[in-house]
Amino acid sequence: MKLSEQVRPISYLKAHAPEVVRSLAETRRPVVLTVHGEAKAVLQDVGQYEETQETLALLKVLALTNRQVDEGKVRPAGKAFTQIRRRLAER
């Protein structure tokens, strides 16, 4: 995906808002908005935005997991499941 093909001045958005929103939903490609020729904002379909946020959350979990592994904060799976079963049985 080339963002350079999706660059529009803010005046274009003002004049063609319904068309831009429709295009976002159909193409699922973000639009870069410029002010005085400088990129200032990215407009994105809400579904695509939600997917992006979910992906970022997963990447954060992976990064945290990698850090914990590097710090030696790991235990064998069997031991972890035994501990979980014990906690559930106490409830």
N, C-alpha and C. Protein backbone atom coordinates (compact mmCIF):
# COMPACT_ATOMS: atom_id res chain seq x y z
N MET A 1 0.86 -1.18 0.00
CA MET A 1 0.00 0.00 0.00
C MET A 1 0.90 1.23 0.00
N LYS A 2 0.68 2.10 -0.95
CA LYS A 2 1.44 3.33 -1.05
C LYS A 2 0.61 4.47 -0.47
N LEU A 3 1.07 4.99 0.66
CA LEU A 3 0.35 6.12 1.26
C LEU A 3 0.42 7.35 0.37
N SER A 4 1.45 7.46 -0.44
CA SER A 4 1.59 8.63 -1.30
C SER A 4 0.41 8.77 -2.26
N GLU A 5 -0.25 7.66 -2.57
CA GLU A 5 -1.42 7.71 -3.46
C GLU A 5 -2.68 8.16 -2.72
N GLN A 6 -2.60 8.21 -1.41
CA GLN A 6 -3.77 8.53 -0.59
C GLN A 6 -3.60 9.86 0.15
N VAL A 7 -2.77 10.73 -0.33
CA VAL A 7 -2.55 12.03 0.30
C VAL A 7 -3.54 13.05 -0.26
N ARG A 8 -4.23 13.74 0.63
CA ARG A 8 -5.22 14.74 0.22
C ARG A 8 -5.11 15.96 1.13
N PRO A 9 -5.29 17.13 0.57
CA PRO A 9 -5.33 18.33 1.42
C PRO A 9 -6.62 18.35 2.23
N ILE A 10 -6.58 19.00 3.36
CA ILE A 10 -7.75 19.06 4.23
C ILE A 10 -8.93 19.70 3.50
N SER A 11 -8.66 20.59 2.57
CA SER A 11 -9.74 21.23 1.80
C SER A 11 -10.49 20.19 0.96
N TYR A 12 -9.78 19.16 0.49
CA TYR A 12 -10.43 18.08 -0.27
C TYR A 12 -11.41 17.33 0.63
N LEU A 13 -10.99 17.06 1.87
CA LEU A 13 -11.88 16.39 2.82
C LEU A 13 -13.12 17.23 3.08
N LYS A 14 -12.92 18.52 3.26
CA LYS A 14 -14.05 19.41 3.52
C LYS A 14 -15.06 19.38 2.37
N ALA A 15 -14.56 19.34 1.16
CA ALA A 15 -15.43 19.39 -0.02
C ALA A 15 -16.01 18.03 -0.41
N HIS A 16 -15.35 16.94 -0.01
CA HIS A 16 -15.75 15.60 -0.46
C HIS A 16 -15.87 14.60 0.70
N ALA A 17 -16.28 15.04 1.85
CA ALA A 17 -16.31 14.17 3.03
C ALA A 17 -17.08 12.87 2.81
N PRO A 18 -18.31 12.89 2.28
CA PRO A 18 -19.02 11.62 2.10
C PRO A 18 -18.28 10.65 1.18
N GLU A 19 -17.69 11.17 0.11
CA GLU A 19 -16.94 10.34 -0.82
C GLU A 19 -15.70 9.74 -0.14
N VAL A 20 -15.01 10.54 0.65
CA VAL A 20 -13.81 10.05 1.35
C VAL A 20 -14.18 8.97 2.34
N VAL A 21 -15.23 9.18 3.10
CA VAL A 21 -15.67 8.18 4.09
C VAL A 21 -16.09 6.90 3.39
N ARG A 22 -16.80 7.01 2.31
CA ARG A 22 -17.22 5.83 1.54
C ARG A 22 -15.99 5.08 1.02
N SER A 23 -15.01 5.81 0.53
CA SER A 23 -13.78 5.21 0.02
C SER A 23 -13.01 4.48 1.13
N LEU A 24 -13.01 5.07 2.32
CA LEU A 24 -12.33 4.41 3.45
C LEU A 24 -12.94 3.04 3.73
N ALA A 25 -14.25 2.98 3.71
CA ALA A 25 -14.94 1.72 3.98
C ALA A 25 -14.73 0.71 2.86
N GLU A 26 -14.73 1.18 1.63
CA GLU A 26 -14.61 0.26 0.49
C GLU A 26 -13.18 -0.25 0.29
N THR A 27 -12.22 0.64 0.37
CA THR A 27 -10.83 0.26 0.07
C THR A 27 -10.05 -0.16 1.30
N ARG A 28 -10.51 0.27 2.47
CA ARG A 28 -9.82 0.00 3.74
C ARG A 28 -8.40 0.56 3.73
N ARG A 29 -8.20 1.61 2.92
CA ARG A 29 -6.90 2.27 2.84
C ARG A 29 -7.01 3.63 3.53
N PRO A 30 -6.08 3.96 4.41
CA PRO A 30 -6.14 5.25 5.09
C PRO A 30 -5.85 6.41 4.14
N VAL A 31 -6.26 7.59 4.54
CA VAL A 31 -6.02 8.81 3.79
C VAL A 31 -5.15 9.72 4.67
N VAL A 32 -4.07 10.22 4.10
CA VAL A 32 -3.21 11.17 4.79
C VAL A 32 -3.70 12.57 4.46
N LEU A 33 -4.01 13.35 5.49
CA LEU A 33 -4.50 14.71 5.30
C LEU A 33 -3.35 15.70 5.51
N THR A 34 -3.28 16.67 4.62
CA THR A 34 -2.23 17.68 4.72
C THR A 34 -2.82 19.05 5.02
N VAL A 35 -2.02 19.85 5.68
CA VAL A 35 -2.35 21.25 5.93
C VAL A 35 -1.15 22.05 5.43
N HIS A 36 -1.38 22.91 4.47
CA HIS A 36 -0.30 23.69 3.86
C HIS A 36 0.81 22.78 3.34
N GLY A 37 0.42 21.65 2.74
CA GLY A 37 1.37 20.74 2.13
C GLY A 37 2.11 19.82 3.07
N GLU A 38 1.83 19.92 4.36
CA GLU A 38 2.51 19.08 5.36
C GLU A 38 1.54 18.06 5.93
N ALA A 39 1.94 16.79 5.97
CA ALA A 39 1.09 15.74 6.52
C ALA A 39 0.80 16.03 7.98
N LYS A 40 -0.48 16.02 8.34
CA LYS A 40 -0.88 16.35 9.71
C LYS A 40 -1.74 15.28 10.38
N ALA A 41 -2.44 14.48 9.59
CA ALA A 41 -3.35 13.50 10.19
C ALA A 41 -3.58 12.35 9.23
N VAL A 42 -4.00 11.22 9.81
CA VAL A 42 -4.36 10.05 9.01
C VAL A 42 -5.80 9.71 9.34
N LEU A 43 -6.61 9.57 8.31
CA LEU A 43 -8.01 9.21 8.45
C LEU A 43 -8.14 7.74 8.07
N GLN A 44 -8.79 6.96 8.95
CA GLN A 44 -8.82 5.51 8.77
C GLN A 44 -10.22 4.98 9.05
N ASP A 45 -10.63 3.96 8.30
CA ASP A 45 -11.89 3.27 8.54
C ASP A 45 -11.90 2.71 9.96
N VAL A 46 -13.02 2.77 10.64
CA VAL A 46 -13.09 2.35 12.04
C VAL A 46 -12.76 0.86 12.20
N GLY A 47 -13.18 0.03 11.26
CA GLY A 47 -12.86 -1.40 11.33
C GLY A 47 -11.37 -1.64 11.22
N GLN A 48 -10.73 -0.93 10.32
CA GLN A 48 -9.29 -1.02 10.15
C GLN A 48 -8.57 -0.51 11.40
N TYR A 49 -9.09 0.57 11.98
CA TYR A 49 -8.51 1.12 13.21
C TYR A 49 -8.58 0.09 14.34
N GLU A 50 -9.73 -0.56 14.48
CA GLU A 50 -9.88 -1.57 15.54
C GLU A 50 -8.90 -2.72 15.33
N GLU A 51 -8.73 -3.16 14.09
CA GLU A 51 -7.77 -4.22 13.79
C GLU A 51 -6.35 -3.78 14.16
N THR A 52 -6.03 -2.55 13.84
CA THR A 52 -4.71 -2.02 14.17
C THR A 52 -4.49 -2.01 15.68
N GLN A 53 -5.50 -1.59 16.42
CA GLN A 53 -5.38 -1.55 17.88
C GLN A 53 -5.23 -2.95 18.46
N GLU A 54 -5.96 -3.93 17.93
CA GLU A 54 -5.83 -5.31 18.39
C GLU A 54 -4.43 -5.85 18.09
N THR A 55 -3.91 -5.52 16.92
CA THR A 55 -2.57 -5.96 16.55
C THR A 55 -1.53 -5.35 17.49
N LEU A 56 -1.67 -4.07 17.78
CA LEU A 56 -0.74 -3.42 18.71
C LEU A 56 -0.81 -4.05 20.09
N ALA A 57 -2.01 -4.39 20.55
CA ALA A 57 -2.16 -5.02 21.86
C ALA A 57 -1.44 -6.37 21.89
N LEU A 58 -1.59 -7.15 20.82
CA LEU A 58 -0.90 -8.44 20.75
C LEU A 58 0.61 -8.27 20.73
N LEU A 59 1.08 -7.28 20.00
CA LEU A 59 2.52 -7.02 19.95
C LEU A 59 3.05 -6.61 21.32
N LYS A 60 2.26 -5.85 22.07
CA LYS A 60 2.67 -5.47 23.43
C LYS A 60 2.76 -6.69 24.33
N VAL A 61 1.79 -7.60 24.20
CA VAL A 61 1.83 -8.83 24.99
C VAL A 61 3.06 -9.65 24.63
N LEU A 62 3.36 -9.76 23.35
CA LEU A 62 4.54 -10.50 22.91
C LEU A 62 5.82 -9.86 23.44
N ALA A 63 5.89 -8.54 23.40
CA ALA A 63 7.08 -7.85 23.91
C ALA A 63 7.24 -8.08 25.41
N LEU A 64 6.14 -8.02 26.14
CA LEU A 64 6.19 -8.28 27.58
C LEU A 64 6.63 -9.71 27.85
N THR A 65 6.09 -10.65 27.10
CA THR A 65 6.46 -12.06 27.25
C THR A 65 7.95 -12.26 26.97
N ASN A 66 8.44 -11.66 25.90
CA ASN A 66 9.87 -11.77 25.58
C ASN A 66 10.73 -11.20 26.69
N ARG A 67 10.32 -10.07 27.26
CA ARG A 67 11.08 -9.46 28.36
C ARG A 67 11.09 -10.39 29.57
N GLN A 68 9.95 -11.00 29.88
CA GLN A 68 9.89 -11.91 31.02
C GLN A 68 10.76 -13.14 30.80
N VAL A 69 10.79 -13.64 29.57
CA VAL A 69 11.66 -14.79 29.25
C VAL A 69 13.12 -14.37 29.43
N ASP A 70 13.48 -13.20 28.92
CA ASP A 70 14.85 -12.71 29.05
C ASP A 70 15.26 -12.53 30.51
N GLU A 71 14.29 -12.17 31.36
CA GLU A 71 14.57 -11.96 32.78
C GLU A 71 14.49 -13.27 33.57
N GLY A 72 14.20 -14.37 32.89
CA GLY A 72 14.14 -15.66 33.56
C GLY A 72 12.86 -15.89 34.35
N LYS A 73 11.85 -15.10 34.08
CA LYS A 73 10.57 -15.24 34.79
C LYS A 73 9.69 -16.26 34.08
N VAL A 74 10.17 -17.49 34.02
CA VAL A 74 9.44 -18.57 33.35
C VAL A 74 9.39 -19.78 34.26
N ARG A 75 8.43 -20.66 34.00
CA ARG A 75 8.35 -21.92 34.74
C ARG A 75 7.84 -22.99 33.78
N PRO A 76 8.12 -24.22 34.05
CA PRO A 76 7.64 -25.31 33.18
C PRO A 76 6.11 -25.29 33.10
N ALA A 77 5.58 -25.64 31.94
CA ALA A 77 4.13 -25.62 31.72
C ALA A 77 3.41 -26.51 32.72
N GLY A 78 3.94 -27.69 33.00
CA GLY A 78 3.29 -28.60 33.94
C GLY A 78 3.12 -27.97 35.31
N LYS A 79 4.15 -27.29 35.77
CA LYS A 79 4.09 -26.62 37.08
C LYS A 79 3.07 -25.49 37.05
N ALA A 80 3.03 -24.73 35.97
CA ALA A 80 2.08 -23.62 35.85
C ALA A 80 0.64 -24.13 35.87
N PHE A 81 0.37 -25.21 35.12
CA PHE A 81 -0.99 -25.76 35.10
C PHE A 81 -1.38 -26.35 36.45
N THR A 82 -0.44 -26.95 37.14
CA THR A 82 -0.73 -27.48 38.48
C THR A 82 -1.14 -26.34 39.40
N GLN A 83 -0.42 -25.23 39.32
CA GLN A 83 -0.75 -24.08 40.15
C GLN A 83 -2.13 -23.51 39.79
N ILE A 84 -2.45 -23.46 38.53
CA ILE A 84 -3.76 -22.96 38.09
C ILE A 84 -4.87 -23.87 38.60
N ARG A 85 -4.68 -25.19 38.46
CA ARG A 85 -5.69 -26.14 38.94
C ARG A 85 -5.89 -26.01 40.45
N ARG A 86 -4.83 -25.81 41.18
CA ARG A 86 -4.92 -25.66 42.64
C ARG A 86 -5.72 -24.42 42.98
N ARG A 87 -5.47 -23.31 42.28
CA ARG A 87 -6.21 -22.07 42.55
C ARG A 87 -7.69 -22.25 42.23
N LEU A 88 -7.99 -22.93 41.12
CA LEU A 88 -9.39 -23.14 40.75
C LEU A 88 -10.09 -24.04 41.76
N ALA A 89 -9.40 -25.03 42.28
CA ALA A 89 -9.99 -25.94 43.24
C ALA A 89 -10.30 -25.24 44.57
N GLU A 90 -9.54 -24.20 44.90
CA GLU A 90 -9.75 -23.46 46.15
C GLU A 90 -10.99 -22.59 46.10
N ARG A 91 -11.50 -22.35 44.93
CA ARG A 91 -12.69 -21.49 44.80
C ARG A 91 -13.92 -22.20 45.09
